[in-house]
Amino acid sequence: MKKHVFLLRELIGGAISLFIAFMVAFPIIWIIFTSLKNNEEMFRIPVAILPTEFYYKNYLDVLGLSKFLGYFFNSFVITVFSTIINIIFSALAAFAFSRFNFKGKTGMLGIVVLTQILPGVTLLIPIYSFWVKFRLINTHLSLIITYAMLNIPLTLWMLVGFFNTVPKEIDSAATIDGCSKMGTLYYILLPLSKPALFASAIYVSLNVWQEFLMASIMTTTEKMRTVMVGLYSFVGEKSTNWGMLMAAAVLISIPVMCFFSLTQKQFANGLAGSVKG
């Protein structure tokens, strides 16, 4: 009897998991197959998921646009440098919160993390005004610094949690051997915290790559657009080029899916260590 109940639970759990997986994957499948349809088949009634003939011209048209390749370059540069800056500052701050005792430390860390509750739209006007004042609006630098700073709270929390799992006795041993505080961070904590650093870098890079609102406000010329803002260029005032829009969406998603599939193990390990800490 118990064996039958256990088997029934397994079947129900498997069915629910399969249903959830289908609901998550269905929009992705729809976009991929829509990108392989021509305009006539795209709006055919009744609607069919699979195209009768694969139409690759949408992809060729998107790849043939030099401006879209420029969007990719902008997003790549902004993502790489904002991630590097974020990790550097987050690691330094996490080291201070984890290894030094000072008044109000817990409260300060809590306030930093709670800033994530604020909707991003509330920061648009002050951030935009700041960069306008310094005449750096519509530049890579403004977007890089903005993204790096906006993603610090959560990466700081992740790194503090992981640093706390490293015994402080290791720091004492390093000090006895003549290692300075910064030397302890560089030679001891950072090598031991590679999973957390990797997870933080993945989190920041994915956030930056797919961000739209801030990039749409702070880029005023077509040359400076990121890939997410570039998608909007396929939406016209009176019509939308759905074929190219879907093809562009698929092309933009490919680097993200490849990157995450190659690094999901490190991401999971880093999160596990941060939560444990």
C-alpha atoms as a PDB file:
ATOM      1  CA  MET A   1       0.000   0.000   0.000  1.00  0.00           C
ATOM      2  CA  LYS A   2       2.791   2.412   0.966  1.00  0.00           C
ATOM      3  CA  LYS A   3       4.573   1.596  -2.265  1.00  0.00           C
ATOM      4  CA  HIS A   4       1.487   2.506  -4.313  1.00  0.00           C
ATOM      5  CA  VAL A   5       1.036   5.777  -2.404  1.00  0.00           C
ATOM      6  CA  PHE A   6       4.689   6.656  -2.960  1.00  0.00           C
ATOM      7  CA  LEU A   7       4.376   5.853  -6.675  1.00  0.00           C
ATOM      8  CA  LEU A   8       1.230   7.977  -6.937  1.00  0.00           C
ATOM      9  CA  ARG A   9       3.017  10.912  -5.291  1.00  0.00           C
ATOM     10  CA  GLU A  10       5.910  10.530  -7.697  1.00  0.00           C
ATOM     11  CA  LEU A  11       3.554  10.512 -10.687  1.00  0.00           C
ATOM     12  CA  ILE A  12       1.651  13.577  -9.462  1.00  0.00           C
ATOM     13  CA  GLY A  13       4.899  15.414  -8.700  1.00  0.00           C
ATOM     14  CA  GLY A  14       6.301  14.535 -12.116  1.00  0.00           C
ATOM     15  CA  ALA A  15       3.112  15.668 -13.863  1.00  0.00           C
ATOM     16  CA  ILE A  16       3.119  19.001 -12.018  1.00  0.00           C
ATOM     17  CA  SER A  17       6.822  19.545 -12.790  1.00  0.00           C
ATOM     18  CA  LEU A  18       6.223  18.723 -16.456  1.00  0.00           C
ATOM     19  CA  PHE A  19       3.297  21.158 -16.616  1.00  0.00           C
ATOM     20  CA  ILE A  20       5.318  23.962 -15.023  1.00  0.00           C
ATOM     21  CA  ALA A  21       8.239  23.284 -17.393  1.00  0.00           C
ATOM     22  CA  PHE A  22       5.875  23.420 -20.361  1.00  0.00           C
ATOM     23  CA  MET A  23       4.328  26.721 -19.208  1.00  0.00           C
ATOM     24  CA  VAL A  24       7.805  28.242 -18.842  1.00  0.00           C
ATOM     25  CA  ALA A  25       9.115  26.898 -22.159  1.00  0.00           C
ATOM     26  CA  PHE A  26       6.022  27.571 -24.279  1.00  0.00           C
ATOM     27  CA  PRO A  27       6.609  31.346 -24.794  1.00  0.00           C
ATOM     28  CA  ILE A  28      10.220  30.620 -25.790  1.00  0.00           C
ATOM     29  CA  ILE A  29       9.124  27.929 -28.258  1.00  0.00           C
ATOM     30  CA  TRP A  30       6.483  30.288 -29.669  1.00  0.00           C
ATOM     31  CA  ILE A  31       9.023  33.085 -30.225  1.00  0.00           C
ATOM     32  CA  ILE A  32      11.499  30.745 -31.947  1.00  0.00           C
ATOM     33  CA  PHE A  33       8.937  29.315 -34.373  1.00  0.00           C
ATOM     34  CA  THR A  34       7.389  32.743 -35.009  1.00  0.00           C
ATOM     35  CA  SER A  35      10.809  34.066 -35.997  1.00  0.00           C
ATOM     36  CA  LEU A  36      10.891  31.369 -38.691  1.00  0.00           C
ATOM     37  CA  LYS A  37       7.611  32.433 -40.326  1.00  0.00           C
ATOM     38  CA  ASN A  38       6.925  34.940 -43.072  1.00  0.00           C
ATOM     39  CA  ASN A  39       4.341  37.706 -42.568  1.00  0.00           C
ATOM     40  CA  GLU A  40       1.583  35.838 -44.392  1.00  0.00           C
ATOM     41  CA  GLU A  41       1.947  32.693 -42.291  1.00  0.00           C
ATOM     42  CA  MET A  42       2.448  34.649 -39.084  1.00  0.00           C
ATOM     43  CA  PHE A  43      -1.085  36.049 -39.210  1.00  0.00           C
ATOM     44  CA  ARG A  44      -2.769  33.007 -40.703  1.00  0.00           C
ATOM     45  CA  ILE A  45      -6.060  31.812 -39.230  1.00  0.00           C
ATOM     46  CA  PRO A  46      -6.216  29.273 -37.643  1.00  0.00           C
ATOM     47  CA  VAL A  47      -2.976  29.923 -35.810  1.00  0.00           C
ATOM     48  CA  ALA A  48      -0.308  27.223 -36.103  1.00  0.00           C
ATOM     49  CA  ILE A  49       2.748  26.926 -33.877  1.00  0.00           C
ATOM     50  CA  LEU A  50       4.961  25.196 -36.419  1.00  0.00           C
ATOM     51  CA  PRO A  51       5.711  26.990 -39.715  1.00  0.00           C
ATOM     52  CA  THR A  52       4.887  25.087 -42.904  1.00  0.00           C
ATOM     53  CA  GLU A  53       8.241  26.250 -44.296  1.00  0.00           C
ATOM     54  CA  PHE A  54      11.201  27.612 -42.345  1.00  0.00           C
ATOM     55  CA  TYR A  55      11.765  31.262 -43.288  1.00  0.00           C
ATOM     56  CA  TYR A  56      15.361  32.259 -42.424  1.00  0.00           C
ATOM     57  CA  LYS A  57      15.269  35.692 -44.055  1.00  0.00           C
ATOM     58  CA  ASN A  58      14.286  37.334 -40.762  1.00  0.00           C
ATOM     59  CA  TYR A  59      17.608  36.300 -39.231  1.00  0.00           C
ATOM     60  CA  LEU A  60      19.594  37.305 -42.299  1.00  0.00           C
ATOM     61  CA  ASP A  61      17.913  40.728 -42.297  1.00  0.00           C
ATOM     62  CA  VAL A  62      18.694  41.303 -38.614  1.00  0.00           C
ATOM     63  CA  LEU A  63      22.325  40.171 -38.943  1.00  0.00           C
ATOM     64  CA  GLY A  64      22.674  42.357 -42.019  1.00  0.00           C
ATOM     65  CA  LEU A  65      21.891  45.483 -40.012  1.00  0.00           C
ATOM     66  CA  SER A  66      25.150  47.133 -38.957  1.00  0.00           C
ATOM     67  CA  LYS A  67      23.284  49.118 -36.308  1.00  0.00           C
ATOM     68  CA  PHE A  68      22.136  45.907 -34.613  1.00  0.00           C
ATOM     69  CA  LEU A  69      25.704  44.616 -34.437  1.00  0.00           C
ATOM     70  CA  GLY A  70      26.541  47.964 -32.851  1.00  0.00           C
ATOM     71  CA  TYR A  71      23.856  47.338 -30.229  1.00  0.00           C
ATOM     72  CA  PHE A  72      25.528  44.032 -29.421  1.00  0.00           C
ATOM     73  CA  PHE A  73      28.901  45.750 -29.058  1.00  0.00           C
ATOM     74  CA  ASN A  74      27.467  48.411 -26.727  1.00  0.00           C
ATOM     75  CA  SER A  75      25.783  45.819 -24.518  1.00  0.00           C
ATOM     76  CA  PHE A  76      28.926  43.679 -24.406  1.00  0.00           C
ATOM     77  CA  VAL A  77      31.189  46.563 -23.370  1.00  0.00           C
ATOM     78  CA  ILE A  78      28.740  47.901 -20.785  1.00  0.00           C
ATOM     79  CA  THR A  79      28.069  44.434 -19.329  1.00  0.00           C
ATOM     80  CA  VAL A  80      31.740  43.443 -19.001  1.00  0.00           C
ATOM     81  CA  PHE A  81      33.003  46.646 -17.411  1.00  0.00           C
ATOM     82  CA  SER A  82      30.023  47.223 -15.100  1.00  0.00           C
ATOM     83  CA  THR A  83      30.387  43.650 -13.835  1.00  0.00           C
ATOM     84  CA  ILE A  84      34.108  44.069 -13.154  1.00  0.00           C
ATOM     85  CA  ILE A  85      33.592  47.377 -11.299  1.00  0.00           C
ATOM     86  CA  ASN A  86      30.690  45.951  -9.318  1.00  0.00           C
ATOM     87  CA  ILE A  87      32.648  42.906  -8.159  1.00  0.00           C
ATOM     88  CA  ILE A  88      35.666  45.002  -7.116  1.00  0.00           C
ATOM     89  CA  PHE A  89      33.647  47.433  -4.986  1.00  0.00           C
ATOM     90  CA  SER A  90      31.351  44.718  -3.612  1.00  0.00           C
ATOM     91  CA  ALA A  91      34.314  42.555  -2.573  1.00  0.00           C
ATOM     92  CA  LEU A  92      35.982  45.467  -0.752  1.00  0.00           C
ATOM     93  CA  ALA A  93      32.756  46.404   1.040  1.00  0.00           C
ATOM     94  CA  ALA A  94      31.976  42.763   1.888  1.00  0.00           C
ATOM     95  CA  PHE A  95      35.470  42.365   3.367  1.00  0.00           C
ATOM     96  CA  ALA A  96      34.864  45.349   5.639  1.00  0.00           C
ATOM     97  CA  PHE A  97      31.449  44.096   6.786  1.00  0.00           C
ATOM     98  CA  SER A  98      32.703  40.559   7.325  1.00  0.00           C
ATOM     99  CA  ARG A  99      36.083  41.151   8.977  1.00  0.00           C
ATOM    100  CA  PHE A 100      35.797  44.468  10.849  1.00  0.00           C
ATOM    101  CA  ASN A 101      33.659  45.362  13.850  1.00  0.00           C
ATOM    102  CA  PHE A 102      32.289  48.895  13.871  1.00  0.00           C
ATOM    103  CA  LYS A 103      29.239  50.615  15.287  1.00  0.00           C
ATOM    104  CA  GLY A 104      26.058  50.204  13.259  1.00  0.00           C
ATOM    105  CA  LYS A 105      27.504  47.507  10.979  1.00  0.00           C
ATOM    106  CA  THR A 106      24.386  45.323  10.977  1.00  0.00           C
ATOM    107  CA  GLY A 107      22.077  48.288  10.459  1.00  0.00           C
ATOM    108  CA  MET A 108      24.160  49.657   7.592  1.00  0.00           C
ATOM    109  CA  LEU A 109      24.214  46.297   5.830  1.00  0.00           C
ATOM    110  CA  GLY A 110      20.463  45.977   6.284  1.00  0.00           C
ATOM    111  CA  ILE A 111      19.862  49.449   4.841  1.00  0.00           C
ATOM    112  CA  VAL A 112      22.046  48.697   1.830  1.00  0.00           C
ATOM    113  CA  VAL A 113      20.140  45.497   1.077  1.00  0.00           C
ATOM    114  CA  LEU A 114      16.738  47.143   1.700  1.00  0.00           C
ATOM    115  CA  THR A 115      17.463  49.684  -1.031  1.00  0.00           C
ATOM    116  CA  GLN A 116      16.517  46.895  -3.454  1.00  0.00           C
ATOM    117  CA  ILE A 117      12.905  47.419  -2.383  1.00  0.00           C
ATOM    118  CA  LEU A 118      12.851  50.810  -4.114  1.00  0.00           C
ATOM    119  CA  PRO A 119      11.385  50.629  -7.649  1.00  0.00           C
ATOM    120  CA  GLY A 120      14.028  51.401 -10.242  1.00  0.00           C
ATOM    121  CA  VAL A 121      11.828  54.047 -11.850  1.00  0.00           C
ATOM    122  CA  THR A 122      12.138  56.248  -8.728  1.00  0.00           C
ATOM    123  CA  LEU A 123      15.869  56.589  -9.397  1.00  0.00           C
ATOM    124  CA  LEU A 124      15.562  57.613 -13.041  1.00  0.00           C
ATOM    125  CA  ILE A 125      15.249  61.369 -12.549  1.00  0.00           C
ATOM    126  CA  PRO A 126      18.088  61.829 -10.000  1.00  0.00           C
ATOM    127  CA  ILE A 127      20.445  59.563 -11.957  1.00  0.00           C
ATOM    128  CA  TYR A 128      19.623  61.261 -15.262  1.00  0.00           C
ATOM    129  CA  SER A 129      20.074  64.739 -13.716  1.00  0.00           C
ATOM    130  CA  PHE A 130      23.393  63.687 -12.209  1.00  0.00           C
ATOM    131  CA  TRP A 131      24.869  62.567 -15.526  1.00  0.00           C
ATOM    132  CA  VAL A 132      23.461  65.576 -17.386  1.00  0.00           C
ATOM    133  CA  LYS A 133      25.200  67.865 -14.894  1.00  0.00           C
ATOM    134  CA  PHE A 134      28.532  66.179 -15.640  1.00  0.00           C
ATOM    135  CA  ARG A 135      27.786  66.111 -19.389  1.00  0.00           C
ATOM    136  CA  LEU A 136      28.188  62.342 -19.516  1.00  0.00           C
ATOM    137  CA  ILE A 137      24.701  61.413 -20.631  1.00  0.00           C
ATOM    138  CA  ASN A 138      24.576  59.095 -23.662  1.00  0.00           C
ATOM    139  CA  THR A 139      28.002  57.578 -22.935  1.00  0.00           C
ATOM    140  CA  HIS A 140      29.267  54.124 -22.085  1.00  0.00           C
ATOM    141  CA  LEU A 141      30.789  55.479 -18.866  1.00  0.00           C
ATOM    142  CA  SER A 142      27.497  56.701 -17.419  1.00  0.00           C
ATOM    143  CA  LEU A 143      25.744  53.397 -18.049  1.00  0.00           C
ATOM    144  CA  ILE A 144      28.687  51.334 -16.777  1.00  0.00           C
ATOM    145  CA  ILE A 145      28.911  53.204 -13.462  1.00  0.00           C
ATOM    146  CA  THR A 146      25.124  53.320 -13.035  1.00  0.00           C
ATOM    147  CA  TYR A 147      24.683  49.585 -13.543  1.00  0.00           C
ATOM    148  CA  ALA A 148      27.693  48.756 -11.372  1.00  0.00           C
ATOM    149  CA  MET A 149      26.388  50.793  -8.437  1.00  0.00           C
ATOM    150  CA  LEU A 150      22.736  49.733  -8.736  1.00  0.00           C
ATOM    151  CA  ASN A 151      23.696  46.055  -8.511  1.00  0.00           C
ATOM    152  CA  ILE A 152      25.981  46.408  -5.485  1.00  0.00           C
ATOM    153  CA  PRO A 153      23.371  45.744  -2.712  1.00  0.00           C
ATOM    154  CA  LEU A 154      22.597  42.144  -3.647  1.00  0.00           C
ATOM    155  CA  THR A 155      26.143  41.219  -4.667  1.00  0.00           C
ATOM    156  CA  LEU A 156      27.369  42.726  -1.395  1.00  0.00           C
ATOM    157  CA  TRP A 157      24.914  40.552   0.537  1.00  0.00           C
ATOM    158  CA  MET A 158      26.031  37.452  -1.366  1.00  0.00           C
ATOM    159  CA  LEU A 159      29.729  38.086  -0.766  1.00  0.00           C
ATOM    160  CA  VAL A 160      29.288  38.953   2.924  1.00  0.00           C
ATOM    161  CA  GLY A 161      27.452  35.667   3.418  1.00  0.00           C
ATOM    162  CA  PHE A 162      30.243  33.726   1.729  1.00  0.00           C
ATOM    163  CA  PHE A 163      33.084  35.591   3.474  1.00  0.00           C
ATOM    164  CA  ASN A 164      31.446  34.771   6.820  1.00  0.00           C
ATOM    165  CA  THR A 165      31.804  31.055   6.078  1.00  0.00           C
ATOM    166  CA  VAL A 166      35.597  31.406   5.938  1.00  0.00           C
ATOM    167  CA  PRO A 167      37.003  30.977   9.492  1.00  0.00           C
ATOM    168  CA  LYS A 168      38.663  34.096  10.868  1.00  0.00           C
ATOM    169  CA  GLU A 169      41.472  31.918  12.217  1.00  0.00           C
ATOM    170  CA  ILE A 170      42.793  31.822   8.655  1.00  0.00           C
ATOM    171  CA  ASP A 171      43.117  35.617   8.767  1.00  0.00           C
ATOM    172  CA  SER A 172      45.071  35.391  12.025  1.00  0.00           C
ATOM    173  CA  ALA A 173      47.420  32.811  10.543  1.00  0.00           C
ATOM    174  CA  ALA A 174      47.985  35.014   7.494  1.00  0.00           C
ATOM    175  CA  THR A 175      48.717  38.030   9.731  1.00  0.00           C
ATOM    176  CA  ILE A 176      51.289  36.027  11.694  1.00  0.00           C
ATOM    177  CA  ASP A 177      52.967  35.150   8.398  1.00  0.00           C
ATOM    178  CA  GLY A 178      53.258  38.882   7.663  1.00  0.00           C
ATOM    179  CA  CYS A 179      50.207  39.343   5.420  1.00  0.00           C
ATOM    180  CA  SER A 180      48.433  42.710   5.551  1.00  0.00           C
ATOM    181  CA  LYS A 181      44.646  43.139   5.649  1.00  0.00           C
ATOM    182  CA  MET A 182      44.467  43.721   1.905  1.00  0.00           C
ATOM    183  CA  GLY A 183      46.880  40.848   1.384  1.00  0.00           C
ATOM    184  CA  THR A 184      44.541  38.593   3.356  1.00  0.00           C
ATOM    185  CA  LEU A 185      41.671  39.636   1.107  1.00  0.00           C
ATOM    186  CA  TYR A 186      43.652  39.151  -2.096  1.00  0.00           C
ATOM    187  CA  TYR A 187      45.573  35.971  -1.254  1.00  0.00           C
ATOM    188  CA  ILE A 188      43.153  34.212   1.115  1.00  0.00           C
ATOM    189  CA  LEU A 189      39.506  35.311   0.922  1.00  0.00           C
ATOM    190  CA  LEU A 190      39.142  35.935  -2.805  1.00  0.00           C
ATOM    191  CA  PRO A 191      40.620  32.579  -3.915  1.00  0.00           C
ATOM    192  CA  LEU A 192      38.430  30.749  -1.390  1.00  0.00           C
ATOM    193  CA  SER A 193      35.371  32.733  -2.493  1.00  0.00           C
ATOM    194  CA  LYS A 194      35.556  32.025  -6.219  1.00  0.00           C
ATOM    195  CA  PRO A 195      32.074  30.381  -6.299  1.00  0.00           C
ATOM    196  CA  ALA A 196      30.484  33.471  -4.710  1.00  0.00           C
ATOM    197  CA  LEU A 197      32.426  35.831  -6.969  1.00  0.00           C
ATOM    198  CA  PHE A 198      31.354  33.803  -9.992  1.00  0.00           C
ATOM    199  CA  ALA A 199      27.711  33.777  -8.894  1.00  0.00           C
ATOM    200  CA  SER A 200      27.768  37.531  -8.279  1.00  0.00           C
ATOM    201  CA  ALA A 201      29.341  38.187 -11.667  1.00  0.00           C
ATOM    202  CA  ILE A 202      26.705  36.052 -13.390  1.00  0.00           C
ATOM    203  CA  TYR A 203      23.906  37.835 -11.546  1.00  0.00           C
ATOM    204  CA  VAL A 204      25.203  41.300 -12.463  1.00  0.00           C
ATOM    205  CA  SER A 205      25.982  40.475 -16.089  1.00  0.00           C
ATOM    206  CA  LEU A 206      22.525  38.993 -16.704  1.00  0.00           C
ATOM    207  CA  ASN A 207      20.862  41.991 -15.051  1.00  0.00           C
ATOM    208  CA  VAL A 208      22.851  44.465 -17.127  1.00  0.00           C
ATOM    209  CA  TRP A 209      22.409  42.601 -20.413  1.00  0.00           C
ATOM    210  CA  GLN A 210      18.614  42.519 -20.169  1.00  0.00           C
ATOM    211  CA  GLU A 211      18.021  45.969 -18.607  1.00  0.00           C
ATOM    212  CA  PHE A 212      15.811  48.248 -20.703  1.00  0.00           C
ATOM    213  CA  LEU A 213      14.367  51.183 -18.739  1.00  0.00           C
ATOM    214  CA  MET A 214      17.580  52.891 -17.664  1.00  0.00           C
ATOM    215  CA  ALA A 215      19.250  52.325 -21.045  1.00  0.00           C
ATOM    216  CA  SER A 216      16.262  53.742 -22.950  1.00  0.00           C
ATOM    217  CA  ILE A 217      16.380  56.968 -20.907  1.00  0.00           C
ATOM    218  CA  MET A 218      20.143  57.458 -20.860  1.00  0.00           C
ATOM    219  CA  THR A 219      20.856  56.722 -24.539  1.00  0.00           C
ATOM    220  CA  THR A 220      19.712  59.540 -26.795  1.00  0.00           C
ATOM    221  CA  THR A 221      21.281  58.442 -30.078  1.00  0.00           C
ATOM    222  CA  GLU A 222      20.940  55.260 -32.110  1.00  0.00           C
ATOM    223  CA  LYS A 223      24.690  54.695 -31.982  1.00  0.00           C
ATOM    224  CA  MET A 224      24.645  54.263 -28.179  1.00  0.00           C
ATOM    225  CA  ARG A 225      21.652  51.924 -27.906  1.00  0.00           C
ATOM    226  CA  THR A 226      21.937  48.566 -26.175  1.00  0.00           C
ATOM    227  CA  VAL A 227      20.390  45.383 -27.557  1.00  0.00           C
ATOM    228  CA  MET A 228      17.263  45.679 -25.422  1.00  0.00           C
ATOM    229  CA  VAL A 229      16.632  49.238 -26.556  1.00  0.00           C
ATOM    230  CA  GLY A 230      17.507  48.160 -30.096  1.00  0.00           C
ATOM    231  CA  LEU A 231      14.634  45.665 -30.039  1.00  0.00           C
ATOM    232  CA  TYR A 232      12.253  48.577 -29.755  1.00  0.00           C
ATOM    233  CA  SER A 233      13.477  49.928 -33.105  1.00  0.00           C
ATOM    234  CA  PHE A 234      11.508  47.168 -34.857  1.00  0.00           C
ATOM    235  CA  VAL A 235       8.293  48.572 -33.384  1.00  0.00           C
ATOM    236  CA  GLY A 236       7.002  51.338 -35.632  1.00  0.00           C
ATOM    237  CA  GLU A 237       4.334  53.957 -35.061  1.00  0.00           C
ATOM    238  CA  LYS A 238       1.895  52.302 -37.469  1.00  0.00           C
ATOM    239  CA  SER A 239       3.281  48.808 -37.882  1.00  0.00           C
ATOM    240  CA  THR A 240       5.666  46.314 -36.288  1.00  0.00           C
ATOM    241  CA  ASN A 241       8.098  44.055 -38.105  1.00  0.00           C
ATOM    242  CA  TRP A 242       7.227  40.990 -36.048  1.00  0.00           C
ATOM    243  CA  GLY A 243       9.475  38.621 -37.971  1.00  0.00           C
ATOM    244  CA  MET A 244      12.635  40.658 -37.417  1.00  0.00           C
ATOM    245  CA  LEU A 245      11.590  41.489 -33.857  1.00  0.00           C
ATOM    246  CA  MET A 246      11.260  37.818 -32.938  1.00  0.00           C
ATOM    247  CA  ALA A 247      14.487  36.898 -34.745  1.00  0.00           C
ATOM    248  CA  ALA A 248      16.346  39.663 -32.917  1.00  0.00           C
ATOM    249  CA  ALA A 249      14.890  38.488 -29.583  1.00  0.00           C
ATOM    250  CA  VAL A 250      16.179  34.968 -30.252  1.00  0.00           C
ATOM    251  CA  LEU A 251      19.641  36.217 -31.217  1.00  0.00           C
ATOM    252  CA  ILE A 252      19.841  38.359 -28.069  1.00  0.00           C
ATOM    253  CA  SER A 253      18.856  35.413 -25.900  1.00  0.00           C
ATOM    254  CA  ILE A 254      21.465  33.023 -27.314  1.00  0.00           C
ATOM    255  CA  PRO A 255      24.503  34.544 -25.476  1.00  0.00           C
ATOM    256  CA  VAL A 256      22.535  34.639 -22.215  1.00  0.00           C
ATOM    257  CA  MET A 257      21.388  31.017 -22.482  1.00  0.00           C
ATOM    258  CA  CYS A 258      24.858  29.783 -23.453  1.00  0.00           C
ATOM    259  CA  PHE A 259      26.534  31.753 -20.678  1.00  0.00           C
ATOM    260  CA  PHE A 260      24.096  30.593 -18.008  1.00  0.00           C
ATOM    261  CA  SER A 261      24.126  26.957 -19.147  1.00  0.00           C
ATOM    262  CA  LEU A 262      27.931  26.915 -18.873  1.00  0.00           C
ATOM    263  CA  THR A 263      28.006  28.595 -15.466  1.00  0.00           C
ATOM    264  CA  GLN A 264      24.839  27.381 -13.701  1.00  0.00           C
ATOM    265  CA  LYS A 265      26.852  25.022 -11.448  1.00  0.00           C
ATOM    266  CA  GLN A 266      29.072  27.856 -10.213  1.00  0.00           C
ATOM    267  CA  PHE A 267      25.992  30.071  -9.798  1.00  0.00           C
ATOM    268  CA  ALA A 268      24.239  27.445  -7.649  1.00  0.00           C
ATOM    269  CA  ASN A 269      27.360  26.820  -5.547  1.00  0.00           C
ATOM    270  CA  GLY A 270      27.836  30.538  -4.947  1.00  0.00           C
ATOM    271  CA  LEU A 271      24.212  31.024  -3.897  1.00  0.00           C
ATOM    272  CA  ALA A 272      24.373  28.005  -1.588  1.00  0.00           C
ATOM    273  CA  GLY A 273      27.472  29.353   0.137  1.00  0.00           C
ATOM    274  CA  SER A 274      25.948  32.817   0.506  1.00  0.00           C
ATOM    275  CA  VAL A 275      22.728  31.497   2.025  1.00  0.00           C
ATOM    276  CA  LYS A 276      24.658  29.250   4.397  1.00  0.00           C
ATOM    277  CA  GLY A 277      26.675  32.219   5.571  1.00  0.00           C
END
